[in-house]
Amino acid sequence: MSTPPNVMDSRYVDEASASGAQRFRHDDRLYASFSIKPVFDQFSSNEKGRPIYLDKEFITIIVPGDKHSVVMRQARHQDRQRFPRQYDAFKSGHAEQQQGTPLGLMPWMFPSRVEEYRFFKIQTVEQLAGAADEVGKNFMAFQADKQKAKEYMDAAQRGIGSAELEEKLSTRDRELEELRQMVADLKASQEQAAYDSVTVTGSGRDVTEEEEAPDAVPDTEN
């Protein structure tokens, strides 16, 4: 009589799929979940001149209570057969897959902004650069982000590296900020000058007739 496999054995977690259907009957004791993760595409990256990632299905298998028995890798066809319920649940909420340069790789893109764009299905630099302008009503600084995405793609096509592009964008931003500060200083100076003019005019006291004609000679009797 064969001994049933020990589900707590970490080797079982990732070997069951290679040992026949009989071992699948113990999979209900395992925690399994599928997810989408970006995988670097070397060929497309070389071709496009910028980092290109492909969304791939990954599987995580965990023996409950055993933190050392964790498997995370790219999903195989047999995994989908091995955990059909988990895979169906995953597919029902993660049907679309993306291809391109993830927004999270951009040094000028904050993580919070990445999540905001993700909610509206904008997950790559390519999608942001091609997004319709009316989408901008949902975001702060959308036009600036879109312009940076376009410049990044243009720079990639010309062979400009990310570091060089970031420096160019930073220099442009500094120059724009300096220009804004100059305009603000000029406006403040003009407002101060107008205020000083009103203060001087309004502080004058009434002038008497004698003060108006200080050189007048008084009448004398003949």
N, C-alpha and C. Protein backbone atom coordinates (compact mmCIF):
# COMPACT_ATOMS: atom_id res chain seq x y z
N MET A 1 0.86 -1.20 0.00
CA MET A 1 0.00 0.00 0.00
C MET A 1 0.88 1.24 0.00
N SER A 2 0.64 2.12 -0.93
CA SER A 2 1.48 3.31 -1.05
C SER A 2 1.15 4.32 0.03
N THR A 3 2.17 5.03 0.44
CA THR A 3 1.99 6.06 1.47
C THR A 3 1.59 7.36 0.81
N PRO A 4 0.51 8.01 1.29
CA PRO A 4 0.07 9.27 0.69
C PRO A 4 1.15 10.33 0.86
N PRO A 5 1.28 11.23 -0.07
CA PRO A 5 2.31 12.26 0.02
C PRO A 5 2.09 13.18 1.19
N ASN A 6 3.17 13.65 1.75
CA ASN A 6 3.12 14.59 2.86
C ASN A 6 2.98 15.99 2.29
N VAL A 7 1.80 16.57 2.46
CA VAL A 7 1.55 17.89 1.88
C VAL A 7 2.41 18.96 2.51
N MET A 8 2.93 18.69 3.72
CA MET A 8 3.77 19.67 4.38
C MET A 8 5.22 19.60 3.90
N ASP A 9 5.53 18.62 3.08
CA ASP A 9 6.87 18.52 2.51
C ASP A 9 6.99 19.57 1.41
N SER A 10 7.96 20.49 1.52
CA SER A 10 8.08 21.57 0.55
C SER A 10 8.32 21.06 -0.86
N ARG A 11 8.92 19.88 -1.00
CA ARG A 11 9.15 19.34 -2.33
C ARG A 11 7.85 19.01 -3.04
N TYR A 12 6.83 18.67 -2.27
CA TYR A 12 5.54 18.31 -2.86
C TYR A 12 4.89 19.50 -3.53
N VAL A 13 5.11 20.68 -2.97
CA VAL A 13 4.41 21.87 -3.44
C VAL A 13 4.59 22.08 -4.94
N ASP A 14 5.81 21.92 -5.44
CA ASP A 14 6.08 22.22 -6.83
C ASP A 14 6.30 20.98 -7.69
N GLU A 15 6.26 19.80 -7.10
CA GLU A 15 6.51 18.58 -7.86
C GLU A 15 5.24 17.81 -8.17
N ALA A 16 4.15 18.17 -7.56
CA ALA A 16 2.92 17.40 -7.74
C ALA A 16 2.48 17.35 -9.18
N SER A 17 2.64 18.48 -9.87
CA SER A 17 2.16 18.54 -11.24
C SER A 17 2.94 17.61 -12.16
N ALA A 18 4.12 17.17 -11.73
CA ALA A 18 4.93 16.31 -12.57
C ALA A 18 4.80 14.85 -12.18
N SER A 19 3.90 14.52 -11.28
CA SER A 19 3.83 13.16 -10.74
C SER A 19 2.51 12.47 -11.00
N GLY A 20 1.69 13.04 -11.89
CA GLY A 20 0.45 12.38 -12.22
C GLY A 20 -0.73 12.92 -11.45
N ALA A 21 -1.93 12.60 -11.96
CA ALA A 21 -3.16 13.15 -11.40
C ALA A 21 -3.45 12.67 -9.99
N GLN A 22 -2.91 11.50 -9.59
CA GLN A 22 -3.20 10.96 -8.27
C GLN A 22 -2.76 11.92 -7.16
N ARG A 23 -1.71 12.66 -7.42
CA ARG A 23 -1.22 13.56 -6.38
C ARG A 23 -2.03 14.84 -6.31
N PHE A 24 -2.87 15.12 -7.31
CA PHE A 24 -3.69 16.34 -7.33
C PHE A 24 -4.73 16.31 -6.22
N ARG A 25 -5.08 15.13 -5.75
CA ARG A 25 -6.18 15.06 -4.78
C ARG A 25 -5.84 15.71 -3.45
N HIS A 26 -4.58 15.99 -3.20
CA HIS A 26 -4.17 16.65 -1.96
C HIS A 26 -3.96 18.16 -2.13
N ASP A 27 -4.19 18.65 -3.33
CA ASP A 27 -3.95 20.07 -3.58
C ASP A 27 -4.94 20.98 -2.86
N ASP A 28 -6.06 20.43 -2.42
CA ASP A 28 -7.02 21.28 -1.72
C ASP A 28 -6.49 21.73 -0.36
N ARG A 29 -5.38 21.17 0.07
CA ARG A 29 -4.76 21.59 1.32
C ARG A 29 -3.78 22.74 1.11
N LEU A 30 -3.53 23.08 -0.12
CA LEU A 30 -2.57 24.12 -0.44
C LEU A 30 -3.26 25.44 -0.73
N TYR A 31 -2.53 26.51 -0.50
CA TYR A 31 -2.99 27.83 -0.94
C TYR A 31 -2.34 28.10 -2.29
N ALA A 32 -3.15 28.40 -3.28
CA ALA A 32 -2.64 28.69 -4.62
C ALA A 32 -3.33 29.93 -5.17
N SER A 33 -2.57 30.78 -5.82
CA SER A 33 -3.15 31.98 -6.44
C SER A 33 -2.36 32.32 -7.69
N PHE A 34 -3.05 32.91 -8.65
CA PHE A 34 -2.44 33.33 -9.90
C PHE A 34 -2.39 34.86 -9.93
N SER A 35 -1.42 35.37 -10.63
CA SER A 35 -1.27 36.83 -10.74
C SER A 35 -0.56 37.17 -12.04
N ILE A 36 -0.60 38.45 -12.36
CA ILE A 36 0.10 38.97 -13.54
C ILE A 36 1.32 39.75 -13.07
N LYS A 37 2.47 39.44 -13.64
CA LYS A 37 3.69 40.16 -13.30
C LYS A 37 4.42 40.53 -14.60
N PRO A 38 5.06 41.70 -14.60
CA PRO A 38 5.81 42.10 -15.81
C PRO A 38 7.11 41.33 -15.93
N VAL A 39 7.38 40.83 -17.11
CA VAL A 39 8.62 40.10 -17.39
C VAL A 39 9.37 40.84 -18.49
N PHE A 40 10.64 41.08 -18.25
CA PHE A 40 11.46 41.83 -19.20
C PHE A 40 11.61 41.06 -20.50
N ASP A 41 11.33 41.75 -21.62
CA ASP A 41 11.44 41.16 -22.95
C ASP A 41 12.71 41.72 -23.60
N GLN A 42 13.76 40.92 -23.57
CA GLN A 42 15.05 41.37 -24.07
C GLN A 42 15.01 41.68 -25.57
N PHE A 43 14.37 40.80 -26.35
CA PHE A 43 14.34 40.98 -27.80
C PHE A 43 13.62 42.27 -28.18
N SER A 44 12.42 42.47 -27.63
CA SER A 44 11.65 43.68 -27.96
C SER A 44 12.35 44.94 -27.45
N SER A 45 13.02 44.82 -26.30
CA SER A 45 13.72 45.98 -25.75
C SER A 45 14.86 46.39 -26.66
N ASN A 46 15.60 45.43 -27.16
CA ASN A 46 16.68 45.74 -28.09
C ASN A 46 16.14 46.35 -29.38
N GLU A 47 15.01 45.85 -29.81
CA GLU A 47 14.41 46.32 -31.06
C GLU A 47 13.86 47.73 -30.93
N LYS A 48 13.24 48.03 -29.78
CA LYS A 48 12.60 49.33 -29.58
C LYS A 48 13.54 50.39 -29.01
N GLY A 49 14.62 49.95 -28.40
CA GLY A 49 15.55 50.90 -27.80
C GLY A 49 15.12 51.40 -26.45
N ARG A 50 14.21 50.71 -25.80
CA ARG A 50 13.75 51.07 -24.47
C ARG A 50 13.27 49.79 -23.78
N PRO A 51 13.21 49.77 -22.45
CA PRO A 51 12.79 48.55 -21.76
C PRO A 51 11.34 48.19 -22.05
N ILE A 52 11.11 46.99 -22.54
CA ILE A 52 9.78 46.49 -22.84
C ILE A 52 9.50 45.29 -21.94
N TYR A 53 8.34 45.31 -21.33
CA TYR A 53 7.93 44.22 -20.45
C TYR A 53 6.64 43.60 -20.97
N LEU A 54 6.52 42.30 -20.78
CA LEU A 54 5.31 41.58 -21.15
C LEU A 54 4.64 41.07 -19.88
N ASP A 55 3.34 41.21 -19.81
CA ASP A 55 2.60 40.68 -18.68
C ASP A 55 2.50 39.16 -18.81
N LYS A 56 2.94 38.46 -17.78
CA LYS A 56 2.91 37.00 -17.77
C LYS A 56 2.17 36.51 -16.53
N GLU A 57 1.56 35.35 -16.68
CA GLU A 57 0.85 34.74 -15.56
C GLU A 57 1.83 34.02 -14.64
N PHE A 58 1.72 34.31 -13.34
CA PHE A 58 2.55 33.67 -12.33
C PHE A 58 1.66 32.92 -11.35
N ILE A 59 2.22 31.94 -10.72
CA ILE A 59 1.49 31.19 -9.71
C ILE A 59 2.26 31.23 -8.40
N THR A 60 1.53 31.35 -7.30
CA THR A 60 2.11 31.28 -5.96
C THR A 60 1.46 30.11 -5.24
N ILE A 61 2.28 29.20 -4.74
CA ILE A 61 1.77 28.02 -4.02
C ILE A 61 2.40 28.03 -2.64
N ILE A 62 1.55 27.93 -1.63
CA ILE A 62 2.01 27.99 -0.25
C ILE A 62 1.38 26.85 0.55
N VAL A 63 2.20 26.21 1.37
CA VAL A 63 1.68 25.25 2.35
C VAL A 63 1.27 26.06 3.57
N PRO A 64 -0.01 26.09 3.92
CA PRO A 64 -0.46 26.90 5.06
C PRO A 64 0.31 26.55 6.33
N GLY A 65 0.80 27.58 6.99
CA GLY A 65 1.53 27.39 8.24
C GLY A 65 3.00 27.12 8.07
N ASP A 66 3.49 26.99 6.84
CA ASP A 66 4.90 26.71 6.60
C ASP A 66 5.47 27.82 5.71
N LYS A 67 6.11 28.79 6.33
CA LYS A 67 6.61 29.95 5.59
C LYS A 67 7.77 29.59 4.66
N HIS A 68 8.36 28.42 4.87
CA HIS A 68 9.48 28.00 4.02
C HIS A 68 9.01 27.27 2.77
N SER A 69 7.74 26.92 2.71
CA SER A 69 7.21 26.18 1.55
C SER A 69 6.42 27.13 0.66
N VAL A 70 7.11 28.06 0.06
CA VAL A 70 6.49 29.05 -0.82
C VAL A 70 7.13 28.95 -2.20
N VAL A 71 6.30 28.75 -3.20
CA VAL A 71 6.78 28.68 -4.58
C VAL A 71 6.13 29.82 -5.36
N MET A 72 6.93 30.59 -6.04
CA MET A 72 6.41 31.64 -6.92
C MET A 72 7.20 31.59 -8.22
N ARG A 73 6.51 31.35 -9.31
CA ARG A 73 7.16 31.22 -10.61
C ARG A 73 6.14 31.47 -11.70
N GLN A 74 6.62 31.49 -12.94
CA GLN A 74 5.72 31.65 -14.07
C GLN A 74 4.84 30.42 -14.20
N ALA A 75 3.55 30.65 -14.43
CA ALA A 75 2.60 29.54 -14.47
C ALA A 75 2.81 28.66 -15.69
N ARG A 76 2.57 27.37 -15.51
CA ARG A 76 2.63 26.40 -16.60
C ARG A 76 1.22 25.94 -16.93
N HIS A 77 1.10 25.30 -18.07
CA HIS A 77 -0.21 24.80 -18.48
C HIS A 77 -0.77 23.83 -17.45
N GLN A 78 0.09 23.00 -16.89
CA GLN A 78 -0.37 22.00 -15.93
C GLN A 78 -0.86 22.64 -14.62
N ASP A 79 -0.32 23.83 -14.30
CA ASP A 79 -0.78 24.53 -13.10
C ASP A 79 -2.25 24.92 -13.24
N ARG A 80 -2.63 25.30 -14.44
CA ARG A 80 -4.02 25.70 -14.67
C ARG A 80 -4.96 24.51 -14.54
N GLN A 81 -4.46 23.35 -14.89
CA GLN A 81 -5.25 22.12 -14.71
C GLN A 81 -5.25 21.69 -13.25
N ARG A 82 -4.15 21.93 -12.60
CA ARG A 82 -3.99 21.50 -11.20
C ARG A 82 -4.86 22.32 -10.26
N PHE A 83 -4.99 23.63 -10.55
CA PHE A 83 -5.78 24.52 -9.70
C PHE A 83 -6.82 25.25 -10.55
N PRO A 84 -7.79 24.53 -11.10
CA PRO A 84 -8.77 25.15 -12.01
C PRO A 84 -9.65 26.19 -11.33
N ARG A 85 -10.05 25.96 -10.09
CA ARG A 85 -10.92 26.92 -9.41
C ARG A 85 -10.21 28.25 -9.19
N GLN A 86 -8.97 28.19 -8.72
CA GLN A 86 -8.21 29.42 -8.49
C GLN A 86 -7.92 30.14 -9.80
N TYR A 87 -7.67 29.36 -10.85
CA TYR A 87 -7.36 29.98 -12.14
C TYR A 87 -8.59 30.66 -12.73
N ASP A 88 -9.74 30.02 -12.60
CA ASP A 88 -10.98 30.62 -13.11
C ASP A 88 -11.29 31.92 -12.37
N ALA A 89 -11.06 31.92 -11.05
CA ALA A 89 -11.30 33.13 -10.27
C ALA A 89 -10.34 34.24 -10.69
N PHE A 90 -9.13 33.87 -10.96
CA PHE A 90 -8.12 34.83 -11.40
C PHE A 90 -8.49 35.43 -12.75
N LYS A 91 -8.88 34.59 -13.70
CA LYS A 91 -9.20 35.06 -15.04
C LYS A 91 -10.43 35.95 -15.06
N SER A 92 -11.33 35.73 -14.17
CA SER A 92 -12.56 36.53 -14.15
C SER A 92 -12.28 37.99 -13.79
N GLY A 93 -11.16 38.22 -13.12
CA GLY A 93 -10.84 39.60 -12.73
C GLY A 93 -9.59 40.15 -13.38
N HIS A 94 -8.89 39.33 -14.14
CA HIS A 94 -7.64 39.76 -14.77
C HIS A 94 -7.58 39.26 -16.21
N ALA A 95 -8.52 39.73 -17.01
CA ALA A 95 -8.60 39.22 -18.38
C ALA A 95 -7.58 39.88 -19.32
N GLU A 96 -7.35 41.19 -19.11
CA GLU A 96 -6.50 41.89 -20.06
C GLU A 96 -5.03 41.83 -19.65
N GLN A 97 -4.15 41.78 -20.63
CA GLN A 97 -2.72 41.79 -20.41
C GLN A 97 -2.12 42.93 -21.22
N GLN A 98 -1.07 43.53 -20.66
CA GLN A 98 -0.49 44.71 -21.28
C GLN A 98 0.91 44.41 -21.81
N GLN A 99 1.34 45.20 -22.79
CA GLN A 99 2.69 45.10 -23.32
C GLN A 99 3.24 46.50 -23.48
N GLY A 100 4.45 46.71 -23.02
CA GLY A 100 5.07 48.03 -23.13
C GLY A 100 5.99 48.31 -21.96
N THR A 101 6.32 49.58 -21.76
CA THR A 101 7.19 50.00 -20.67
C THR A 101 6.33 50.44 -19.49
N PRO A 102 6.38 49.74 -18.35
CA PRO A 102 5.54 50.09 -17.21
C PRO A 102 5.81 51.50 -16.71
N LEU A 103 4.74 52.19 -16.33
CA LEU A 103 4.90 53.55 -15.82
C LEU A 103 5.76 53.58 -14.56
N GLY A 104 5.72 52.51 -13.78
CA GLY A 104 6.48 52.46 -12.54
C GLY A 104 7.98 52.54 -12.74
N LEU A 105 8.46 52.31 -13.95
CA LEU A 105 9.90 52.39 -14.23
C LEU A 105 10.37 53.82 -14.47
N MET A 106 9.44 54.73 -14.66
CA MET A 106 9.81 56.11 -14.94
C MET A 106 10.20 56.82 -13.65
N PRO A 107 11.40 57.43 -13.60
CA PRO A 107 11.86 58.09 -12.37
C PRO A 107 11.02 59.29 -11.97
N TRP A 108 10.28 59.86 -12.91
CA TRP A 108 9.45 61.03 -12.60
C TRP A 108 8.02 60.65 -12.24
N MET A 109 7.73 59.37 -12.20
CA MET A 109 6.36 58.92 -11.90
C MET A 109 6.26 58.39 -10.48
N PHE A 110 5.50 59.09 -9.63
CA PHE A 110 5.33 58.67 -8.25
C PHE A 110 4.46 57.41 -8.17
N PRO A 111 4.73 56.52 -7.20
CA PRO A 111 3.92 55.30 -7.06
C PRO A 111 2.43 55.56 -6.94
N SER A 112 2.06 56.62 -6.22
CA SER A 112 0.64 56.93 -6.07
C SER A 112 0.01 57.28 -7.42
N ARG A 113 0.77 57.98 -8.26
CA ARG A 113 0.26 58.34 -9.59
C ARG A 113 0.14 57.11 -10.47
N VAL A 114 1.08 56.17 -10.32
CA VAL A 114 1.02 54.92 -11.09
C VAL A 114 -0.28 54.19 -10.79
N GLU A 115 -0.66 54.16 -9.51
CA GLU A 115 -1.89 53.46 -9.13
C GLU A 115 -3.13 54.20 -9.64
N GLU A 116 -3.08 55.52 -9.65
CA GLU A 116 -4.20 56.30 -10.19
C GLU A 116 -4.40 56.00 -11.68
N TYR A 117 -3.31 55.98 -12.41
CA TYR A 117 -3.42 55.68 -13.84
C TYR A 117 -3.86 54.23 -14.06
N ARG A 118 -3.38 53.33 -13.22
CA ARG A 118 -3.75 51.92 -13.36
C ARG A 118 -5.27 51.75 -13.24
N PHE A 119 -5.88 52.52 -12.35
CA PHE A 119 -7.33 52.43 -12.16
C PHE A 119 -8.07 52.73 -13.44
N PHE A 120 -7.49 53.62 -14.26
CA PHE A 120 -8.12 53.98 -15.52
C PHE A 120 -7.49 53.23 -16.70
N LYS A 121 -6.82 52.11 -16.39
CA LYS A 121 -6.29 51.20 -17.42
C LYS A 121 -5.15 51.84 -18.22
N ILE A 122 -4.44 52.78 -17.62
CA ILE A 122 -3.24 53.33 -18.23
C ILE A 122 -2.06 52.81 -17.41
N GLN A 123 -1.36 51.82 -17.98
CA GLN A 123 -0.32 51.14 -17.22
C GLN A 123 1.06 51.24 -17.84
N THR A 124 1.14 51.69 -19.07
CA THR A 124 2.44 51.77 -19.74
C THR A 124 2.70 53.19 -20.26
N VAL A 125 3.97 53.45 -20.55
CA VAL A 125 4.34 54.75 -21.09
C VAL A 125 3.66 54.96 -22.44
N GLU A 126 3.56 53.89 -23.23
CA GLU A 126 2.92 53.98 -24.53
C GLU A 126 1.45 54.39 -24.41
N GLN A 127 0.75 53.81 -23.44
CA GLN A 127 -0.66 54.13 -23.24
C GLN A 127 -0.83 55.58 -22.77
N LEU A 128 0.06 56.04 -21.90
CA LEU A 128 -0.03 57.42 -21.41
C LEU A 128 0.24 58.41 -22.54
N ALA A 129 1.26 58.13 -23.35
CA ALA A 129 1.60 59.03 -24.44
C ALA A 129 0.47 59.13 -25.46
N GLY A 130 -0.29 58.04 -25.64
CA GLY A 130 -1.37 58.03 -26.63
C GLY A 130 -2.74 58.29 -26.06
N ALA A 131 -2.83 58.61 -24.77
CA ALA A 131 -4.13 58.83 -24.13
C ALA A 131 -4.78 60.10 -24.67
N ALA A 132 -6.11 60.05 -24.80
CA ALA A 132 -6.86 61.22 -25.27
C ALA A 132 -6.81 62.34 -24.23
N ASP A 133 -6.82 63.57 -24.70
CA ASP A 133 -6.72 64.72 -23.80
C ASP A 133 -7.87 64.79 -22.81
N GLU A 134 -9.05 64.31 -23.22
CA GLU A 134 -10.18 64.38 -22.29
C GLU A 134 -10.00 63.51 -21.06
N VAL A 135 -9.07 62.56 -21.16
CA VAL A 135 -8.77 61.72 -20.00
C VAL A 135 -8.16 62.56 -18.89
N GLY A 136 -7.53 63.67 -19.27
CA GLY A 136 -6.83 64.50 -18.31
C GLY A 136 -7.69 65.07 -17.21
N LYS A 137 -9.00 65.14 -17.42
CA LYS A 137 -9.88 65.68 -16.38
C LYS A 137 -9.89 64.82 -15.14
N ASN A 138 -9.41 63.58 -15.25
CA ASN A 138 -9.40 62.67 -14.11
C ASN A 138 -8.12 62.76 -13.29
N PHE A 139 -7.12 63.53 -13.76
CA PHE A 139 -5.83 63.54 -13.10
C PHE A 139 -5.28 64.95 -12.93
N MET A 140 -4.46 65.10 -11.91
CA MET A 140 -3.67 66.31 -11.74
C MET A 140 -2.41 66.17 -12.58
N ALA A 141 -1.98 67.24 -13.21
CA ALA A 141 -0.74 67.26 -13.99
C ALA A 141 -0.73 66.23 -15.11
N PHE A 142 -1.89 65.91 -15.66
CA PHE A 142 -1.95 64.90 -16.72
C PHE A 142 -1.15 65.33 -17.95
N GLN A 143 -1.34 66.57 -18.39
CA GLN A 143 -0.66 67.02 -19.60
C GLN A 143 0.85 66.97 -19.45
N ALA A 144 1.35 67.30 -18.26
CA ALA A 144 2.79 67.25 -18.02
C ALA A 144 3.29 65.81 -18.09
N ASP A 145 2.55 64.89 -17.49
CA ASP A 145 2.93 63.48 -17.52
C ASP A 145 2.88 62.93 -18.95
N LYS A 146 1.86 63.31 -19.68
CA LYS A 146 1.73 62.84 -21.06
C LYS A 146 2.88 63.36 -21.91
N GLN A 147 3.25 64.62 -21.72
CA GLN A 147 4.35 65.19 -22.48
C GLN A 147 5.66 64.48 -22.16
N LYS A 148 5.87 64.17 -20.89
CA LYS A 148 7.10 63.46 -20.50
C LYS A 148 7.12 62.05 -21.11
N ALA A 149 5.96 61.42 -21.18
CA ALA A 149 5.88 60.09 -21.79
C ALA A 149 6.24 60.17 -23.27
N LYS A 150 5.74 61.19 -23.96
CA LYS A 150 6.06 61.37 -25.38
C LYS A 150 7.56 61.63 -25.56
N GLU A 151 8.10 62.48 -24.71
CA GLU A 151 9.52 62.79 -24.82
C GLU A 151 10.38 61.57 -24.53
N TYR A 152 9.93 60.74 -23.61
CA TYR A 152 10.68 59.52 -23.31
C TYR A 152 10.71 58.59 -24.52
N MET A 153 9.58 58.42 -25.17
CA MET A 153 9.51 57.55 -26.34
C MET A 153 10.32 58.12 -27.49
N ASP A 154 10.25 59.43 -27.69
CA ASP A 154 11.04 60.06 -28.75
C ASP A 154 12.53 59.90 -28.47
N ALA A 155 12.90 60.07 -27.20
CA ALA A 155 14.31 59.93 -26.84
C ALA A 155 14.78 58.50 -27.03
N ALA A 156 13.92 57.54 -26.70
CA ALA A 156 14.28 56.14 -26.87
C ALA A 156 14.51 55.81 -28.34
N GLN A 157 13.70 56.38 -29.20
CA GLN A 157 13.87 56.15 -30.63
C GLN A 157 15.16 56.76 -31.15
N ARG A 158 15.59 57.86 -30.52
CA ARG A 158 16.84 58.51 -30.94
C ARG A 158 18.05 57.94 -30.23
N GLY A 159 17.80 56.99 -29.32
CA GLY A 159 18.90 56.35 -28.62
C GLY A 159 19.39 57.09 -27.40
N ILE A 160 18.58 58.02 -26.88
CA ILE A 160 18.96 58.76 -25.67
C ILE A 160 18.59 57.92 -24.45
N GLY A 161 19.53 57.75 -23.54
CA GLY A 161 19.28 56.95 -22.35
C GLY A 161 18.35 57.62 -21.36
N SER A 162 17.82 56.82 -20.44
CA SER A 162 16.87 57.33 -19.45
C SER A 162 17.50 58.39 -18.55
N ALA A 163 18.76 58.18 -18.16
CA ALA A 163 19.41 59.14 -17.28
C ALA A 163 19.56 60.49 -17.96
N GLU A 164 19.97 60.47 -19.23
CA GLU A 164 20.13 61.71 -19.98
C GLU A 164 18.80 62.41 -20.17
N LEU A 165 17.76 61.62 -20.47
CA LEU A 165 16.43 62.21 -20.64
C LEU A 165 15.95 62.82 -19.34
N GLU A 166 16.16 62.13 -18.23
CA GLU A 166 15.73 62.66 -16.94
C GLU A 166 16.42 63.97 -16.63
N GLU A 167 17.71 64.08 -16.98
CA GLU A 167 18.44 65.31 -16.75
C GLU A 167 17.87 66.45 -17.60
N LYS A 168 17.53 66.14 -18.85
CA LYS A 168 16.94 67.15 -19.73
C LYS A 168 15.60 67.63 -19.17
N LEU A 169 14.78 66.68 -18.72
CA LEU A 169 13.48 67.04 -18.17
C LEU A 169 13.62 67.84 -16.88
N SER A 170 14.60 67.46 -16.05
CA SER A 170 14.82 68.19 -14.80
C SER A 170 15.28 69.62 -15.09
N THR A 171 16.17 69.77 -16.09
CA THR A 171 16.64 71.10 -16.46
C THR A 171 15.48 71.96 -16.97
N ARG A 172 14.63 71.37 -17.78
CA ARG A 172 13.48 72.11 -18.29
C ARG A 172 12.55 72.53 -17.16
N ASP A 173 12.32 71.62 -16.21
CA ASP A 173 11.44 71.93 -15.09
C ASP A 173 12.02 73.04 -14.23
N ARG A 174 13.35 73.01 -14.03
CA ARG A 174 13.99 74.07 -13.24
C ARG A 174 13.86 75.42 -13.93
N GLU A 175 14.04 75.42 -15.25
CA GLU A 175 13.92 76.67 -16.00
C GLU A 175 12.50 77.21 -15.94
N LEU A 176 11.52 76.32 -16.04
CA LEU A 176 10.13 76.77 -15.95
C LEU A 176 9.83 77.32 -14.56
N GLU A 177 10.38 76.69 -13.53
CA GLU A 177 10.15 77.15 -12.16
C GLU A 177 10.81 78.50 -11.94
N GLU A 178 12.01 78.69 -12.50
CA GLU A 178 12.68 79.98 -12.38
C GLU A 178 11.88 81.07 -13.09
N LEU A 179 11.30 80.74 -14.26
CA LEU A 179 10.49 81.71 -14.99
C LEU A 179 9.24 82.07 -14.20
N ARG A 180 8.61 81.08 -13.61
CA ARG A 180 7.42 81.35 -12.78
C ARG A 180 7.79 82.25 -11.61
N GLN A 181 8.96 82.00 -11.00
CA GLN A 181 9.37 82.81 -9.86
C GLN A 181 9.65 84.24 -10.28
N MET A 182 10.24 84.41 -11.45
CA MET A 182 10.51 85.76 -11.96
C MET A 182 9.21 86.52 -12.18
N VAL A 183 8.22 85.85 -12.77
CA VAL A 183 6.92 86.48 -13.00
C VAL A 183 6.27 86.85 -11.67
N ALA A 184 6.36 85.93 -10.69
CA ALA A 184 5.76 86.19 -9.38
C ALA A 184 6.45 87.36 -8.70
N ASP A 185 7.79 87.43 -8.80
CA ASP A 185 8.53 88.55 -8.18
C ASP A 185 8.18 89.88 -8.84
N LEU A 186 8.05 89.87 -10.18
CA LEU A 186 7.70 91.09 -10.90
C LEU A 186 6.31 91.58 -10.50
N LYS A 187 5.39 90.62 -10.39
CA LYS A 187 4.02 90.98 -10.00
C LYS A 187 4.00 91.56 -8.59
N ALA A 188 4.77 90.95 -7.68
CA ALA A 188 4.82 91.43 -6.31
C ALA A 188 5.44 92.83 -6.25
N SER A 189 6.47 93.05 -7.07
CA SER A 189 7.11 94.37 -7.10
C SER A 189 6.15 95.44 -7.60
N GLN A 190 5.38 95.10 -8.66
CA GLN A 190 4.42 96.06 -9.19
C GLN A 190 3.33 96.36 -8.17
N GLU A 191 2.87 95.34 -7.47
CA GLU A 191 1.83 95.55 -6.46
C GLU A 191 2.35 96.41 -5.32
N GLN A 192 3.64 96.20 -4.93
CA GLN A 192 4.22 96.99 -3.85
C GLN A 192 4.37 98.45 -4.26
N ALA A 193 4.78 98.66 -5.52
CA ALA A 193 4.93 100.02 -6.01
C ALA A 193 3.59 100.74 -6.05
N ALA A 194 2.55 100.04 -6.47
CA ALA A 194 1.22 100.64 -6.50
C ALA A 194 0.74 100.96 -5.09
N TYR A 195 1.03 100.07 -4.15
CA TYR A 195 0.64 100.30 -2.75
C TYR A 195 1.36 101.51 -2.17
N ASP A 196 2.68 101.62 -2.45
CA ASP A 196 3.45 102.76 -1.94
C ASP A 196 2.94 104.07 -2.52
N SER A 197 2.54 104.07 -3.79
CA SER A 197 2.02 105.29 -4.44
C SER A 197 0.74 105.74 -3.77
N VAL A 198 -0.15 104.79 -3.50
CA VAL A 198 -1.41 105.12 -2.85
C VAL A 198 -1.17 105.63 -1.45
N THR A 199 -0.20 105.07 -0.74
CA THR A 199 0.10 105.47 0.63
C THR A 199 0.62 106.90 0.69
N VAL A 200 1.53 107.26 -0.23
CA VAL A 200 2.08 108.61 -0.26
C VAL A 200 1.00 109.63 -0.58
N THR A 201 0.17 109.36 -1.55
CA THR A 201 -0.90 110.27 -1.94
C THR A 201 -1.91 110.44 -0.83
N GLY A 202 -2.25 109.38 -0.19
CA GLY A 202 -3.28 109.44 0.84
C GLY A 202 -2.80 110.00 2.15
N SER A 203 -1.49 110.13 2.36
CA SER A 203 -0.99 110.60 3.65
C SER A 203 -0.79 112.12 3.69
N GLY A 204 -0.99 112.82 2.59
CA GLY A 204 -0.79 114.28 2.55
C GLY A 204 -1.83 115.01 3.38
N ARG A 205 -1.42 116.15 4.05
CA ARG A 205 -2.39 116.90 4.85
C ARG A 205 -2.88 118.09 4.03
N ASP A 206 -3.97 118.70 4.48
CA ASP A 206 -4.53 119.85 3.76
C ASP A 206 -3.55 121.01 3.76
N VAL A 207 -3.44 121.67 2.65
CA VAL A 207 -2.53 122.80 2.52
C VAL A 207 -3.32 124.11 2.64
N THR A 208 -2.85 125.03 3.51
CA THR A 208 -3.55 126.30 3.72
C THR A 208 -3.19 127.27 2.61
N GLU A 209 -3.98 128.38 2.54
CA GLU A 209 -3.73 129.38 1.52
C GLU A 209 -2.38 130.04 1.73
N GLU A 210 -2.01 130.24 3.03
CA GLU A 210 -0.74 130.87 3.32
C GLU A 210 0.42 130.01 2.84
N GLU A 211 0.26 128.65 3.01
CA GLU A 211 1.32 127.75 2.58
C GLU A 211 1.41 127.68 1.07
N GLU A 212 0.26 127.91 0.38
CA GLU A 212 0.26 127.91 -1.06
C GLU A 212 1.03 129.10 -1.62
N ALA A 213 1.00 130.27 -0.90
CA ALA A 213 1.69 131.49 -1.37
C ALA A 213 2.61 132.02 -0.30
N PRO A 214 3.67 131.34 0.01
CA PRO A 214 4.56 131.77 1.11
C PRO A 214 5.27 133.08 0.81
N ASP A 215 5.41 133.47 -0.43
CA ASP A 215 6.13 134.70 -0.76
C ASP A 215 5.21 135.92 -0.92
N ALA A 216 3.94 135.74 -0.62
CA ALA A 216 3.01 136.85 -0.78
C ALA A 216 3.37 137.99 0.18
N VAL A 217 3.29 139.26 -0.27
CA VAL A 217 3.63 140.43 0.56
C VAL A 217 2.35 140.97 1.15
N PRO A 218 2.26 141.11 2.50
CA PRO A 218 1.04 141.62 3.11
C PRO A 218 0.76 143.07 2.74
N ASP A 219 -0.52 143.49 2.75
CA ASP A 219 -0.87 144.88 2.44
C ASP A 219 -0.36 145.80 3.54
N THR A 220 0.10 147.01 3.15
CA THR A 220 0.53 148.03 4.13
C THR A 220 -0.24 149.30 3.88
N GLU A 221 -0.44 150.08 4.96
CA GLU A 221 -1.16 151.36 4.83
C GLU A 221 -0.19 152.42 4.32
N ASN A 222 -0.66 153.20 3.42
CA ASN A 222 0.13 154.32 2.92
C ASN A 222 0.14 155.45 3.93
